[in-house]
N, C-alpha and C. Protein backbone atom coordinates (compact mmCIF):
# COMPACT_ATOMS: atom_id res chain seq x y z
N MET A 1 110.27 72.33 120.41
CA MET A 1 109.65 73.60 120.13
C MET A 1 109.35 73.68 118.63
N ARG A 2 108.13 74.05 118.30
CA ARG A 2 107.76 74.24 116.89
C ARG A 2 108.31 75.57 116.39
N PRO A 3 108.75 75.59 115.13
CA PRO A 3 109.22 76.86 114.58
C PRO A 3 108.08 77.85 114.41
N GLY A 4 108.41 79.13 114.49
CA GLY A 4 107.43 80.17 114.21
C GLY A 4 107.10 80.18 112.73
N GLU A 5 106.01 80.82 112.39
CA GLU A 5 105.54 80.89 111.00
C GLU A 5 105.73 82.30 110.46
N LEU A 6 106.36 82.40 109.28
CA LEU A 6 106.52 83.68 108.60
C LEU A 6 106.35 83.45 107.11
N ALA A 7 105.25 83.93 106.56
CA ALA A 7 105.00 83.81 105.12
C ALA A 7 105.82 84.87 104.39
N LEU A 8 106.45 84.48 103.29
CA LEU A 8 107.19 85.42 102.46
C LEU A 8 106.39 85.68 101.19
N ASP A 9 106.04 86.93 100.97
CA ASP A 9 105.30 87.33 99.78
C ASP A 9 106.28 88.13 98.92
N LEU A 10 106.83 87.49 97.89
CA LEU A 10 107.94 88.06 97.12
C LEU A 10 107.50 88.52 95.74
N TYR A 11 108.14 89.58 95.27
CA TYR A 11 107.93 90.08 93.91
C TYR A 11 109.18 89.70 93.12
N ARG A 12 109.02 88.88 92.09
CA ARG A 12 110.13 88.28 91.36
C ARG A 12 111.21 89.29 90.98
N GLY A 13 112.47 88.91 91.26
CA GLY A 13 113.62 89.70 90.85
C GLY A 13 114.04 90.80 91.79
N ASP A 14 113.26 91.06 92.83
CA ASP A 14 113.63 92.11 93.78
C ASP A 14 114.59 91.57 94.84
N THR A 15 115.32 92.47 95.46
CA THR A 15 116.19 92.11 96.58
C THR A 15 115.39 92.29 97.87
N TYR A 16 115.50 91.32 98.76
CA TYR A 16 114.80 91.38 100.04
C TYR A 16 115.79 91.29 101.18
N GLN A 17 115.51 92.04 102.26
CA GLN A 17 116.33 91.98 103.46
C GLN A 17 115.40 91.94 104.67
N TRP A 18 115.72 91.05 105.60
CA TRP A 18 114.96 90.94 106.84
C TRP A 18 115.94 91.02 108.01
N ARG A 19 115.50 91.63 109.09
CA ARG A 19 116.25 91.65 110.35
C ARG A 19 115.36 90.96 111.36
N LEU A 20 115.75 89.77 111.76
CA LEU A 20 114.95 88.95 112.66
C LEU A 20 115.52 89.03 114.07
N ILE A 21 114.63 89.12 115.04
CA ILE A 21 115.02 89.21 116.45
C ILE A 21 114.55 87.93 117.14
N LEU A 22 115.46 87.23 117.78
CA LEU A 22 115.12 85.99 118.46
C LEU A 22 115.10 86.18 119.97
N TRP A 23 114.10 85.54 120.60
CA TRP A 23 113.90 85.62 122.05
C TRP A 23 113.89 84.23 122.64
N GLN A 24 114.26 84.11 123.90
CA GLN A 24 114.23 82.82 124.60
C GLN A 24 112.85 82.51 125.17
N ASP A 25 112.03 83.54 125.36
CA ASP A 25 110.73 83.33 126.01
C ASP A 25 109.61 83.91 125.16
N GLU A 26 108.41 83.41 125.37
CA GLU A 26 107.25 83.85 124.59
C GLU A 26 106.87 85.31 124.86
N SER A 27 107.15 85.80 126.05
CA SER A 27 106.81 87.19 126.37
C SER A 27 107.85 88.18 125.83
N ARG A 28 108.87 87.66 125.20
CA ARG A 28 109.90 88.48 124.54
C ARG A 28 110.59 89.44 125.52
N THR A 29 111.04 88.89 126.63
CA THR A 29 111.77 89.69 127.61
C THR A 29 113.22 89.24 127.76
N VAL A 30 113.53 88.01 127.31
CA VAL A 30 114.88 87.47 127.44
C VAL A 30 115.47 87.26 126.04
N PRO A 31 116.49 88.05 125.68
CA PRO A 31 117.08 87.88 124.35
C PRO A 31 117.71 86.50 124.19
N ALA A 32 117.60 85.94 122.99
CA ALA A 32 118.29 84.68 122.69
C ALA A 32 119.79 84.93 122.72
N ASP A 33 120.54 83.95 123.16
CA ASP A 33 122.00 84.04 123.17
C ASP A 33 122.51 83.29 121.94
N LEU A 34 122.94 84.02 120.93
CA LEU A 34 123.41 83.41 119.69
C LEU A 34 124.93 83.36 119.60
N THR A 35 125.60 83.39 120.76
CA THR A 35 127.06 83.30 120.78
C THR A 35 127.51 82.01 120.12
N GLY A 36 128.35 82.13 119.10
CA GLY A 36 128.89 80.96 118.40
C GLY A 36 127.92 80.30 117.43
N ALA A 37 126.76 80.89 117.21
CA ALA A 37 125.75 80.29 116.33
C ALA A 37 125.98 80.70 114.88
N THR A 38 125.50 79.85 113.98
CA THR A 38 125.43 80.17 112.56
C THR A 38 123.99 79.99 112.11
N ALA A 39 123.64 80.60 110.99
CA ALA A 39 122.27 80.52 110.49
C ALA A 39 122.28 80.18 109.00
N ALA A 40 121.24 79.47 108.57
CA ALA A 40 121.08 79.11 107.16
C ALA A 40 119.59 79.11 106.83
N ALA A 41 119.25 79.60 105.63
CA ALA A 41 117.86 79.61 105.18
C ALA A 41 117.82 79.29 103.69
N GLU A 42 116.83 78.50 103.31
CA GLU A 42 116.66 78.09 101.92
C GLU A 42 115.20 78.18 101.52
N ILE A 43 115.00 78.37 100.22
CA ILE A 43 113.68 78.26 99.62
C ILE A 43 113.70 77.02 98.74
N ARG A 44 112.69 76.16 98.90
CA ARG A 44 112.58 74.95 98.10
C ARG A 44 111.17 74.85 97.53
N ASP A 45 111.01 74.05 96.47
CA ASP A 45 109.70 73.92 95.86
C ASP A 45 108.71 73.20 96.77
N LYS A 46 109.22 72.36 97.66
CA LYS A 46 108.42 71.66 98.67
C LYS A 46 109.39 71.13 99.72
N PRO A 47 108.91 70.75 100.91
CA PRO A 47 109.82 70.20 101.90
C PRO A 47 110.57 68.99 101.33
N GLY A 48 111.90 69.01 101.45
CA GLY A 48 112.72 67.94 100.90
C GLY A 48 112.87 67.99 99.39
N GLY A 49 112.36 69.04 98.76
CA GLY A 49 112.35 69.15 97.30
C GLY A 49 113.57 69.87 96.75
N THR A 50 113.41 70.38 95.54
CA THR A 50 114.47 71.05 94.82
C THR A 50 114.81 72.40 95.45
N LEU A 51 116.11 72.63 95.65
CA LEU A 51 116.59 73.91 96.17
C LEU A 51 116.39 74.99 95.12
N LEU A 52 115.68 76.06 95.48
CA LEU A 52 115.42 77.16 94.56
C LEU A 52 116.32 78.36 94.84
N ALA A 53 116.56 78.66 96.10
CA ALA A 53 117.40 79.81 96.46
C ALA A 53 117.97 79.62 97.85
N THR A 54 119.16 80.16 98.03
CA THR A 54 119.81 80.18 99.34
C THR A 54 119.91 81.62 99.78
N MET A 55 119.43 81.89 100.98
CA MET A 55 119.50 83.25 101.50
C MET A 55 120.81 83.44 102.26
N ILE A 56 121.29 84.66 102.24
CA ILE A 56 122.50 85.00 102.99
C ILE A 56 122.07 85.32 104.40
N CYS A 57 122.66 84.63 105.38
CA CYS A 57 122.29 84.82 106.79
C CYS A 57 123.53 85.20 107.59
N GLU A 58 123.39 86.25 108.38
CA GLU A 58 124.46 86.69 109.26
C GLU A 58 123.92 86.82 110.67
N VAL A 59 124.62 86.23 111.61
CA VAL A 59 124.25 86.34 113.02
C VAL A 59 124.89 87.60 113.58
N GLU A 60 124.09 88.43 114.25
CA GLU A 60 124.57 89.65 114.88
C GLU A 60 124.20 89.59 116.35
N GLN A 61 125.19 89.72 117.21
CA GLN A 61 124.95 89.62 118.64
C GLN A 61 124.11 90.80 119.13
N PRO A 62 123.27 90.62 120.13
CA PRO A 62 123.14 89.37 120.86
C PRO A 62 122.10 88.41 120.28
N GLN A 63 121.09 88.90 119.52
CA GLN A 63 119.97 88.04 119.18
C GLN A 63 119.40 88.27 117.77
N PHE A 64 120.21 88.81 116.88
CA PHE A 64 119.69 89.18 115.57
C PHE A 64 120.19 88.25 114.47
N ILE A 65 119.33 88.03 113.48
CA ILE A 65 119.70 87.34 112.25
C ILE A 65 119.37 88.32 111.12
N ASN A 66 120.37 88.68 110.34
CA ASN A 66 120.16 89.49 109.15
C ASN A 66 120.12 88.54 107.96
N MET A 67 119.02 88.55 107.24
CA MET A 67 118.80 87.60 106.16
C MET A 67 118.51 88.36 104.87
N THR A 68 119.19 87.98 103.79
CA THR A 68 119.04 88.65 102.51
C THR A 68 118.76 87.64 101.41
N LEU A 69 117.82 87.99 100.55
CA LEU A 69 117.59 87.25 99.30
C LEU A 69 117.98 88.21 98.18
N PRO A 70 119.20 88.05 97.62
CA PRO A 70 119.65 88.98 96.60
C PRO A 70 118.90 88.77 95.28
N ALA A 71 118.80 89.83 94.50
CA ALA A 71 118.16 89.74 93.19
C ALA A 71 118.86 88.70 92.32
N SER A 72 120.16 88.52 92.53
CA SER A 72 120.92 87.55 91.72
C SER A 72 120.50 86.10 91.97
N GLU A 73 119.79 85.83 93.06
CA GLU A 73 119.34 84.46 93.35
C GLU A 73 118.12 84.05 92.53
N TRP A 74 117.49 85.02 91.89
CA TRP A 74 116.32 84.70 91.07
C TRP A 74 116.82 84.13 89.75
N ASP A 75 116.35 82.95 89.43
CA ASP A 75 116.80 82.27 88.21
C ASP A 75 115.57 81.72 87.53
N ASP A 76 115.71 80.59 86.86
CA ASP A 76 114.57 79.97 86.17
C ASP A 76 113.44 79.62 87.13
N TRP A 77 113.75 79.43 88.39
CA TRP A 77 112.72 79.05 89.35
C TRP A 77 111.72 80.17 89.60
N CYS A 78 112.04 81.37 89.13
CA CYS A 78 111.18 82.52 89.41
C CYS A 78 109.78 82.37 88.81
N LYS A 79 109.60 81.45 87.89
CA LYS A 79 108.27 81.24 87.32
C LYS A 79 107.39 80.40 88.25
N THR A 80 108.01 79.85 89.28
CA THR A 80 107.27 79.11 90.30
C THR A 80 106.38 80.10 91.04
N ARG A 81 105.15 79.74 91.28
CA ARG A 81 104.23 80.67 91.97
C ARG A 81 104.20 80.47 93.47
N SER A 82 104.68 79.30 93.94
CA SER A 82 104.69 79.07 95.38
C SER A 82 105.83 78.12 95.73
N ALA A 83 106.27 78.22 96.97
CA ALA A 83 107.37 77.39 97.47
C ALA A 83 107.28 77.40 99.00
N VAL A 84 108.31 76.89 99.65
CA VAL A 84 108.39 76.89 101.12
C VAL A 84 109.80 77.30 101.52
N TRP A 85 109.95 77.73 102.75
CA TRP A 85 111.26 78.13 103.25
C TRP A 85 111.36 77.83 104.73
N ASP A 86 112.60 77.80 105.23
CA ASP A 86 112.81 77.78 106.68
C ASP A 86 114.17 78.36 107.02
N LEU A 87 114.32 78.67 108.31
CA LEU A 87 115.56 79.23 108.86
C LEU A 87 116.02 78.33 109.99
N GLN A 88 117.26 77.83 109.86
CA GLN A 88 117.83 76.97 110.89
C GLN A 88 119.03 77.66 111.53
N ILE A 89 119.10 77.53 112.85
CA ILE A 89 120.22 78.04 113.63
C ILE A 89 121.01 76.83 114.12
N THR A 90 122.33 76.86 113.93
CA THR A 90 123.20 75.82 114.48
C THR A 90 123.98 76.43 115.62
N MET A 91 123.73 75.90 116.81
CA MET A 91 124.37 76.38 118.02
C MET A 91 125.66 75.58 118.25
N PRO A 92 126.55 76.07 119.12
CA PRO A 92 127.73 75.28 119.46
C PRO A 92 127.34 73.88 119.92
N GLY A 93 128.16 72.90 119.58
CA GLY A 93 127.85 71.51 119.91
C GLY A 93 126.96 70.87 118.86
N ASP A 94 126.81 71.52 117.70
CA ASP A 94 126.00 71.03 116.58
C ASP A 94 124.54 70.82 116.94
N VAL A 95 124.01 71.67 117.81
CA VAL A 95 122.58 71.65 118.13
C VAL A 95 121.88 72.49 117.06
N VAL A 96 120.98 71.86 116.29
CA VAL A 96 120.29 72.54 115.20
C VAL A 96 118.85 72.82 115.62
N LEU A 97 118.43 74.07 115.43
CA LEU A 97 117.07 74.49 115.76
C LEU A 97 116.46 75.17 114.54
N THR A 98 115.29 74.73 114.11
CA THR A 98 114.56 75.43 113.06
C THR A 98 113.67 76.44 113.78
N VAL A 99 113.92 77.73 113.54
CA VAL A 99 113.23 78.76 114.30
C VAL A 99 112.08 79.41 113.54
N LEU A 100 112.15 79.40 112.20
CA LEU A 100 111.08 79.97 111.38
C LEU A 100 110.86 79.10 110.16
N ARG A 101 109.64 79.13 109.66
CA ARG A 101 109.28 78.40 108.45
C ARG A 101 108.06 79.08 107.85
N GLY A 102 107.75 78.70 106.61
CA GLY A 102 106.53 79.24 106.05
C GLY A 102 106.43 79.07 104.55
N PRO A 103 105.28 79.47 104.03
CA PRO A 103 105.07 79.43 102.59
C PRO A 103 105.73 80.63 101.91
N VAL A 104 106.02 80.46 100.64
CA VAL A 104 106.56 81.54 99.82
C VAL A 104 105.61 81.73 98.65
N THR A 105 105.11 82.95 98.49
CA THR A 105 104.27 83.29 97.36
C THR A 105 105.03 84.26 96.47
N ILE A 106 105.04 83.97 95.18
CA ILE A 106 105.82 84.77 94.25
C ILE A 106 104.89 85.43 93.24
N THR A 107 105.02 86.74 93.10
CA THR A 107 104.30 87.50 92.07
C THR A 107 105.29 87.79 90.96
N LEU A 108 104.93 87.44 89.73
CA LEU A 108 105.82 87.69 88.60
C LEU A 108 105.89 89.17 88.29
N ASP A 109 107.09 89.63 87.93
CA ASP A 109 107.27 91.04 87.63
C ASP A 109 106.94 91.35 86.17
N VAL A 110 106.88 92.63 85.86
CA VAL A 110 106.55 93.09 84.51
C VAL A 110 107.79 93.65 83.82
N THR A 111 108.53 94.50 84.53
CA THR A 111 109.69 95.17 83.96
C THR A 111 110.91 94.26 84.01
N GLU A 112 111.58 94.11 82.89
CA GLU A 112 112.81 93.33 82.84
C GLU A 112 113.95 94.18 83.36
N PRO A 113 114.96 93.56 84.00
CA PRO A 113 116.09 94.33 84.50
C PRO A 113 116.83 95.01 83.36
N VAL A 114 117.38 96.18 83.62
CA VAL A 114 118.16 96.90 82.62
C VAL A 114 119.52 96.22 82.52
N PRO A 115 119.94 95.82 81.31
CA PRO A 115 121.25 95.18 81.18
C PRO A 115 122.38 96.16 81.51
N GLU A 116 123.47 95.61 82.03
CA GLU A 116 124.62 96.45 82.35
C GLU A 116 125.21 97.04 81.07
N LEU A 117 125.61 98.28 81.14
CA LEU A 117 126.24 98.92 79.99
C LEU A 117 127.67 98.46 79.88
N VAL A 118 128.09 98.12 78.69
CA VAL A 118 129.47 97.69 78.45
C VAL A 118 130.27 98.90 77.99
N PRO A 119 131.39 99.22 78.67
CA PRO A 119 132.16 100.42 78.29
C PRO A 119 132.79 100.26 76.92
């Protein structure tokens, strides 16, 4: 099965959260069974290339993946204008499925973050 396509259009330095719903069938009538599954997602400069960011992924029963790209993950790579990403699910028995993939487009921000105040 080919992974689905989801383009990420990101604004540098912002926090992003996605709630993904997985189905077993194309008509979206049978929820995926994610019992015992784990999820992982990364952004890289190209397939097999340099790791730019790791997203936080949490599996929520019965068929949800909650995925977060925290603002703290933005580093020197933020000057990159494009990248790629994917989401892999590892099922019991070490069965790995890539369920989503796509390009990442990054728009550079204007406002710098406000530094934390020191007491």
